[in-house]
């Protein structure tokens, strides 16, 4: 599996799989990480790539002491389904 990248210049988390990049656009305000949009290329849809990105992103937020506020419907649904990251939702 690819490593999570945090492109702070573009406010975007990224992960590569099968030569394609999934991403999550965000805004960081203080200790709150707003996830505005999560997307995977068509070729990766249905493979779990966006979920793996969200898992890595949520783990990074936890390690950095950040709270996630999902704006994106996919991010919100993923966080509701993955109760092991309930501590980072705020």
C-alpha atoms as a PDB file:
ATOM      1  CA  UNK A   1       0.000   0.000   0.000  1.00  0.00           C
ATOM      2  CA  UNK A   2       1.114   3.524  -0.734  1.00  0.00           C
ATOM      3  CA  UNK A   3       2.151   6.009   1.905  1.00  0.00           C
ATOM      4  CA  UNK A   4      -0.093   8.918   2.785  1.00  0.00           C
ATOM      5  CA  UNK A   5       1.206  12.285   1.577  1.00  0.00           C
ATOM      6  CA  UNK A   6       0.128  15.608   3.007  1.00  0.00           C
ATOM      7  CA  UNK A   7       0.574  18.265   0.324  1.00  0.00           C
ATOM      8  CA  UNK A   8       0.275  21.276   2.625  1.00  0.00           C
ATOM      9  CA  UNK A   9       0.757  23.738  -0.256  1.00  0.00           C
ATOM     10  CA  UNK A  10      -2.439  22.392  -1.887  1.00  0.00           C
ATOM     11  CA  UNK A  11      -4.217  21.438   1.388  1.00  0.00           C
ATOM     12  CA  UNK A  12      -4.600  17.909   0.105  1.00  0.00           C
ATOM     13  CA  UNK A  13      -3.906  14.431   1.414  1.00  0.00           C
ATOM     14  CA  UNK A  14      -2.958  11.952  -1.325  1.00  0.00           C
ATOM     15  CA  UNK A  15      -2.331   8.216  -1.734  1.00  0.00           C
ATOM     16  CA  UNK A  16      -1.257   6.347  -4.857  1.00  0.00           C
ATOM     17  CA  UNK A  17      -2.485   2.907  -5.893  1.00  0.00           C
ATOM     18  CA  UNK A  18      -2.074   1.172  -9.233  1.00  0.00           C
ATOM     19  CA  UNK A  19      -0.476   4.294 -10.692  1.00  0.00           C
ATOM     20  CA  UNK A  20      -3.475   6.485  -9.779  1.00  0.00           C
ATOM     21  CA  UNK A  21      -3.948   9.036  -6.984  1.00  0.00           C
ATOM     22  CA  UNK A  22      -6.858   9.316  -4.560  1.00  0.00           C
ATOM     23  CA  UNK A  23      -7.103  12.574  -2.639  1.00  0.00           C
ATOM     24  CA  UNK A  24      -8.877  14.462   0.104  1.00  0.00           C
ATOM     25  CA  UNK A  25      -9.047  18.253   0.040  1.00  0.00           C
ATOM     26  CA  UNK A  26      -9.011  19.823   3.484  1.00  0.00           C
ATOM     27  CA  UNK A  27      -8.855  23.037   5.476  1.00  0.00           C
ATOM     28  CA  UNK A  28      -6.856  23.192   8.684  1.00  0.00           C
ATOM     29  CA  UNK A  29      -8.107  25.756  11.199  1.00  0.00           C
ATOM     30  CA  UNK A  30      -6.349  25.583  14.538  1.00  0.00           C
ATOM     31  CA  UNK A  31      -6.648  21.991  15.714  1.00  0.00           C
ATOM     32  CA  UNK A  32      -9.616  21.207  13.450  1.00  0.00           C
ATOM     33  CA  UNK A  33      -9.283  19.461  10.089  1.00  0.00           C
ATOM     34  CA  UNK A  34     -12.252  20.067   7.778  1.00  0.00           C
ATOM     35  CA  UNK A  35     -12.472  17.400   5.062  1.00  0.00           C
ATOM     36  CA  UNK A  36     -14.113  19.182   2.127  1.00  0.00           C
ATOM     37  CA  UNK A  37     -13.885  16.535  -0.601  1.00  0.00           C
ATOM     38  CA  UNK A  38     -12.649  12.951  -1.026  1.00  0.00           C
ATOM     39  CA  UNK A  39     -12.198  11.434  -4.469  1.00  0.00           C
ATOM     40  CA  UNK A  40     -10.657   8.470  -6.234  1.00  0.00           C
ATOM     41  CA  UNK A  41     -10.139   8.116  -9.989  1.00  0.00           C
ATOM     42  CA  UNK A  42     -12.787   6.058 -11.807  1.00  0.00           C
ATOM     43  CA  UNK A  43     -10.354   3.155 -12.190  1.00  0.00           C
ATOM     44  CA  UNK A  44     -10.033   2.881  -8.379  1.00  0.00           C
ATOM     45  CA  UNK A  45     -13.698   3.250  -7.486  1.00  0.00           C
ATOM     46  CA  UNK A  46     -15.096   0.216  -5.758  1.00  0.00           C
ATOM     47  CA  UNK A  47     -11.632  -1.021  -4.730  1.00  0.00           C
ATOM     48  CA  UNK A  48     -11.608   0.527  -1.256  1.00  0.00           C
ATOM     49  CA  UNK A  49      -8.959   3.095  -2.205  1.00  0.00           C
ATOM     50  CA  UNK A  50     -10.910   6.040  -0.776  1.00  0.00           C
ATOM     51  CA  UNK A  51     -11.492   4.098   2.438  1.00  0.00           C
ATOM     52  CA  UNK A  52      -7.788   3.332   2.793  1.00  0.00           C
ATOM     53  CA  UNK A  53      -7.071   7.035   2.226  1.00  0.00           C
ATOM     54  CA  UNK A  54      -9.576   7.982   4.925  1.00  0.00           C
ATOM     55  CA  UNK A  55      -8.076   5.452   7.340  1.00  0.00           C
ATOM     56  CA  UNK A  56      -4.586   6.839   6.851  1.00  0.00           C
ATOM     57  CA  UNK A  57      -5.858  10.422   7.046  1.00  0.00           C
ATOM     58  CA  UNK A  58      -7.766   9.723  10.277  1.00  0.00           C
ATOM     59  CA  UNK A  59      -4.712   8.048  11.805  1.00  0.00           C
ATOM     60  CA  UNK A  60      -2.579  11.055  10.853  1.00  0.00           C
ATOM     61  CA  UNK A  61      -5.124  13.409  12.449  1.00  0.00           C
ATOM     62  CA  UNK A  62      -5.081  11.293  15.622  1.00  0.00           C
ATOM     63  CA  UNK A  63      -1.278  11.343  15.801  1.00  0.00           C
ATOM     64  CA  UNK A  64      -1.270  15.116  15.317  1.00  0.00           C
ATOM     65  CA  UNK A  65      -3.968  15.700  17.953  1.00  0.00           C
ATOM     66  CA  UNK A  66      -6.467  17.067  15.421  1.00  0.00           C
ATOM     67  CA  UNK A  67     -10.242  16.749  15.328  1.00  0.00           C
ATOM     68  CA  UNK A  68     -11.893  15.987  11.979  1.00  0.00           C
ATOM     69  CA  UNK A  69     -15.039  17.743  10.833  1.00  0.00           C
ATOM     70  CA  UNK A  70     -16.272  16.056   7.663  1.00  0.00           C
ATOM     71  CA  UNK A  71     -17.933  18.366   5.140  1.00  0.00           C
ATOM     72  CA  UNK A  72     -17.807  15.763   2.369  1.00  0.00           C
ATOM     73  CA  UNK A  73     -20.645  13.226   2.510  1.00  0.00           C
ATOM     74  CA  UNK A  74     -18.282  10.320   1.818  1.00  0.00           C
ATOM     75  CA  UNK A  75     -15.929  11.367   4.647  1.00  0.00           C
ATOM     76  CA  UNK A  76     -18.882  11.713   7.042  1.00  0.00           C
ATOM     77  CA  UNK A  77     -20.250   8.273   6.116  1.00  0.00           C
ATOM     78  CA  UNK A  78     -16.817   6.655   6.410  1.00  0.00           C
ATOM     79  CA  UNK A  79     -16.286   8.137   9.868  1.00  0.00           C
ATOM     80  CA  UNK A  80     -19.755   6.969  10.999  1.00  0.00           C
ATOM     81  CA  UNK A  81     -18.978   3.412   9.840  1.00  0.00           C
ATOM     82  CA  UNK A  82     -15.510   3.310  11.393  1.00  0.00           C
ATOM     83  CA  UNK A  83     -16.168   3.719  15.101  1.00  0.00           C
ATOM     84  CA  UNK A  84     -12.509   3.086  15.973  1.00  0.00           C
ATOM     85  CA  UNK A  85     -11.866   6.673  14.854  1.00  0.00           C
ATOM     86  CA  UNK A  86     -14.725   8.218  16.867  1.00  0.00           C
ATOM     87  CA  UNK A  87     -12.150   9.970  19.063  1.00  0.00           C
ATOM     88  CA  UNK A  88     -10.996  12.156  16.159  1.00  0.00           C
ATOM     89  CA  UNK A  89     -14.451  13.295  15.048  1.00  0.00           C
ATOM     90  CA  UNK A  90     -15.417  16.683  16.307  1.00  0.00           C
END
